[in-house]
């Protein structure tokens, strides 16, 4: 069965601790509702650095990516339906959904 990455972009910070707790609760309920389709549920990102083509490293990233979730479902339509129900959209964020392509790995002798 194919796997899909749901990438979290942007989003507004909660205006209060109570709002943050409510959003977190909504998010955890959404994740729970996905059952066995969740492969890797909540992967927030922080302390991003960018490695440039010349080998230099810059602090920060070039995107607003803040995390990702990996799901396993039958189709892109099913993955999009799941993403449309994500409470991250309620805080002004957007989601990118991509099918993950499994690459063959050649083991070194």
C-alpha atoms as a PDB file:
ATOM      1  CA  UNK A   1       0.000   0.000   0.000  1.00  0.00           C
ATOM      2  CA  UNK A   2       1.396   3.445  -0.842  1.00  0.00           C
ATOM      3  CA  UNK A   3       2.634   5.842   1.812  1.00  0.00           C
ATOM      4  CA  UNK A   4       2.057   9.591   1.762  1.00  0.00           C
ATOM      5  CA  UNK A   5       3.784  12.459   3.534  1.00  0.00           C
ATOM      6  CA  UNK A   6       1.588  15.250   4.847  1.00  0.00           C
ATOM      7  CA  UNK A   7       3.867  18.277   5.228  1.00  0.00           C
ATOM      8  CA  UNK A   8       2.830  21.132   7.525  1.00  0.00           C
ATOM      9  CA  UNK A   9       3.516  24.657   6.196  1.00  0.00           C
ATOM     10  CA  UNK A  10       3.041  27.943   8.040  1.00  0.00           C
ATOM     11  CA  UNK A  11       0.298  28.179  10.603  1.00  0.00           C
ATOM     12  CA  UNK A  12      -0.352  30.736  13.308  1.00  0.00           C
ATOM     13  CA  UNK A  13       0.870  30.444  16.865  1.00  0.00           C
ATOM     14  CA  UNK A  14      -1.882  30.093  19.492  1.00  0.00           C
ATOM     15  CA  UNK A  15      -2.884  33.386  21.074  1.00  0.00           C
ATOM     16  CA  UNK A  16      -3.057  31.835  24.543  1.00  0.00           C
ATOM     17  CA  UNK A  17      -1.990  28.677  26.385  1.00  0.00           C
ATOM     18  CA  UNK A  18      -5.637  27.588  26.453  1.00  0.00           C
ATOM     19  CA  UNK A  19      -5.932  27.970  22.682  1.00  0.00           C
ATOM     20  CA  UNK A  20      -2.696  25.979  22.287  1.00  0.00           C
ATOM     21  CA  UNK A  21      -4.025  23.174  24.484  1.00  0.00           C
ATOM     22  CA  UNK A  22      -7.297  23.078  22.525  1.00  0.00           C
ATOM     23  CA  UNK A  23      -5.500  22.919  19.182  1.00  0.00           C
ATOM     24  CA  UNK A  24      -3.171  20.179  20.459  1.00  0.00           C
ATOM     25  CA  UNK A  25      -6.183  18.209  21.692  1.00  0.00           C
ATOM     26  CA  UNK A  26      -7.918  18.589  18.309  1.00  0.00           C
ATOM     27  CA  UNK A  27      -4.739  17.495  16.532  1.00  0.00           C
ATOM     28  CA  UNK A  28      -4.286  14.427  18.744  1.00  0.00           C
ATOM     29  CA  UNK A  29      -7.954  13.468  18.234  1.00  0.00           C
ATOM     30  CA  UNK A  30      -7.448  13.753  14.461  1.00  0.00           C
ATOM     31  CA  UNK A  31      -4.349  11.542  14.633  1.00  0.00           C
ATOM     32  CA  UNK A  32      -6.203   8.985  16.762  1.00  0.00           C
ATOM     33  CA  UNK A  33      -9.058   8.900  14.250  1.00  0.00           C
ATOM     34  CA  UNK A  34      -6.627   7.761  11.543  1.00  0.00           C
ATOM     35  CA  UNK A  35      -6.007   4.430  13.290  1.00  0.00           C
ATOM     36  CA  UNK A  36      -3.590   2.046  11.625  1.00  0.00           C
ATOM     37  CA  UNK A  37      -3.126   4.274   8.567  1.00  0.00           C
ATOM     38  CA  UNK A  38      -0.641   6.391  10.545  1.00  0.00           C
ATOM     39  CA  UNK A  39       2.938   5.218  10.002  1.00  0.00           C
ATOM     40  CA  UNK A  40       4.726   8.142  11.677  1.00  0.00           C
ATOM     41  CA  UNK A  41       2.223  10.424  13.412  1.00  0.00           C
ATOM     42  CA  UNK A  42       3.768  13.682  14.570  1.00  0.00           C
ATOM     43  CA  UNK A  43       7.200  14.867  13.525  1.00  0.00           C
ATOM     44  CA  UNK A  44       7.701  18.545  14.351  1.00  0.00           C
ATOM     45  CA  UNK A  45      10.884  20.181  13.109  1.00  0.00           C
ATOM     46  CA  UNK A  46      13.110  22.748  14.821  1.00  0.00           C
ATOM     47  CA  UNK A  47      16.623  24.221  14.622  1.00  0.00           C
ATOM     48  CA  UNK A  48      16.733  24.019  10.829  1.00  0.00           C
ATOM     49  CA  UNK A  49      19.949  24.635   8.919  1.00  0.00           C
ATOM     50  CA  UNK A  50      20.416  24.753   5.154  1.00  0.00           C
ATOM     51  CA  UNK A  51      23.389  23.105   3.455  1.00  0.00           C
ATOM     52  CA  UNK A  52      24.041  24.964   0.185  1.00  0.00           C
ATOM     53  CA  UNK A  53      25.434  23.460  -3.022  1.00  0.00           C
ATOM     54  CA  UNK A  54      28.846  24.993  -2.294  1.00  0.00           C
ATOM     55  CA  UNK A  55      28.981  23.249   1.082  1.00  0.00           C
ATOM     56  CA  UNK A  56      28.290  26.342   3.193  1.00  0.00           C
ATOM     57  CA  UNK A  57      25.739  26.089   5.953  1.00  0.00           C
ATOM     58  CA  UNK A  58      23.191  28.765   6.795  1.00  0.00           C
ATOM     59  CA  UNK A  59      21.027  28.917   9.894  1.00  0.00           C
ATOM     60  CA  UNK A  60      17.345  28.603   9.079  1.00  0.00           C
ATOM     61  CA  UNK A  61      15.412  27.137   6.227  1.00  0.00           C
ATOM     62  CA  UNK A  62      14.048  28.364   2.943  1.00  0.00           C
ATOM     63  CA  UNK A  63      10.520  27.027   3.508  1.00  0.00           C
ATOM     64  CA  UNK A  64       7.907  27.341   6.215  1.00  0.00           C
ATOM     65  CA  UNK A  65       7.861  23.565   6.755  1.00  0.00           C
ATOM     66  CA  UNK A  66       7.253  22.888  10.425  1.00  0.00           C
ATOM     67  CA  UNK A  67       6.740  19.125  10.444  1.00  0.00           C
ATOM     68  CA  UNK A  68       5.218  16.099   8.759  1.00  0.00           C
ATOM     69  CA  UNK A  69       3.069  13.003   9.234  1.00  0.00           C
ATOM     70  CA  UNK A  70       3.373   9.802   7.210  1.00  0.00           C
ATOM     71  CA  UNK A  71       0.255   7.782   6.431  1.00  0.00           C
ATOM     72  CA  UNK A  72      -0.401   4.598   4.489  1.00  0.00           C
ATOM     73  CA  UNK A  73      -3.633   4.546   2.497  1.00  0.00           C
ATOM     74  CA  UNK A  74      -4.947   3.178  -0.815  1.00  0.00           C
ATOM     75  CA  UNK A  75      -4.763   6.330  -2.925  1.00  0.00           C
ATOM     76  CA  UNK A  76      -3.904  10.006  -3.214  1.00  0.00           C
ATOM     77  CA  UNK A  77      -7.637  10.760  -2.950  1.00  0.00           C
ATOM     78  CA  UNK A  78      -7.746   8.997   0.436  1.00  0.00           C
ATOM     79  CA  UNK A  79      -4.637  10.886   1.575  1.00  0.00           C
ATOM     80  CA  UNK A  80      -6.152  14.215   0.490  1.00  0.00           C
ATOM     81  CA  UNK A  81      -9.381  13.423   2.318  1.00  0.00           C
ATOM     82  CA  UNK A  82      -7.383  12.791   5.496  1.00  0.00           C
ATOM     83  CA  UNK A  83      -5.419  16.017   5.029  1.00  0.00           C
ATOM     84  CA  UNK A  84      -8.589  18.068   4.510  1.00  0.00           C
ATOM     85  CA  UNK A  85      -9.741  17.017   7.999  1.00  0.00           C
ATOM     86  CA  UNK A  86      -6.478  18.040   9.708  1.00  0.00           C
ATOM     87  CA  UNK A  87      -6.920  20.743  12.376  1.00  0.00           C
ATOM     88  CA  UNK A  88      -3.652  22.369  11.262  1.00  0.00           C
ATOM     89  CA  UNK A  89      -5.781  24.047   8.599  1.00  0.00           C
ATOM     90  CA  UNK A  90      -7.799  25.716  11.394  1.00  0.00           C
ATOM     91  CA  UNK A  91      -4.753  27.740  12.480  1.00  0.00           C
ATOM     92  CA  UNK A  92      -4.036  29.168   9.031  1.00  0.00           C
ATOM     93  CA  UNK A  93      -1.568  26.508   7.941  1.00  0.00           C
ATOM     94  CA  UNK A  94      -1.506  24.642   4.669  1.00  0.00           C
ATOM     95  CA  UNK A  95      -0.614  21.056   3.883  1.00  0.00           C
ATOM     96  CA  UNK A  96       1.293  19.466   1.035  1.00  0.00           C
ATOM     97  CA  UNK A  97       0.526  15.815   0.383  1.00  0.00           C
ATOM     98  CA  UNK A  98       3.051  13.735  -1.567  1.00  0.00           C
ATOM     99  CA  UNK A  99       3.294  10.055  -2.346  1.00  0.00           C
ATOM    100  CA  UNK A 100       6.517   8.566  -1.001  1.00  0.00           C
ATOM    101  CA  UNK A 101       8.440   6.576  -3.578  1.00  0.00           C
ATOM    102  CA  UNK A 102      10.358   3.628  -2.159  1.00  0.00           C
ATOM    103  CA  UNK A 103      13.861   3.667  -3.577  1.00  0.00           C
ATOM    104  CA  UNK A 104      15.829   0.446  -3.897  1.00  0.00           C
ATOM    105  CA  UNK A 105      18.964   0.558  -1.773  1.00  0.00           C
ATOM    106  CA  UNK A 106      22.011  -1.320  -2.925  1.00  0.00           C
ATOM    107  CA  UNK A 107      23.941  -2.693   0.020  1.00  0.00           C
ATOM    108  CA  UNK A 108      27.695  -2.259  -0.003  1.00  0.00           C
ATOM    109  CA  UNK A 109      29.675  -5.530  -0.070  1.00  0.00           C
END
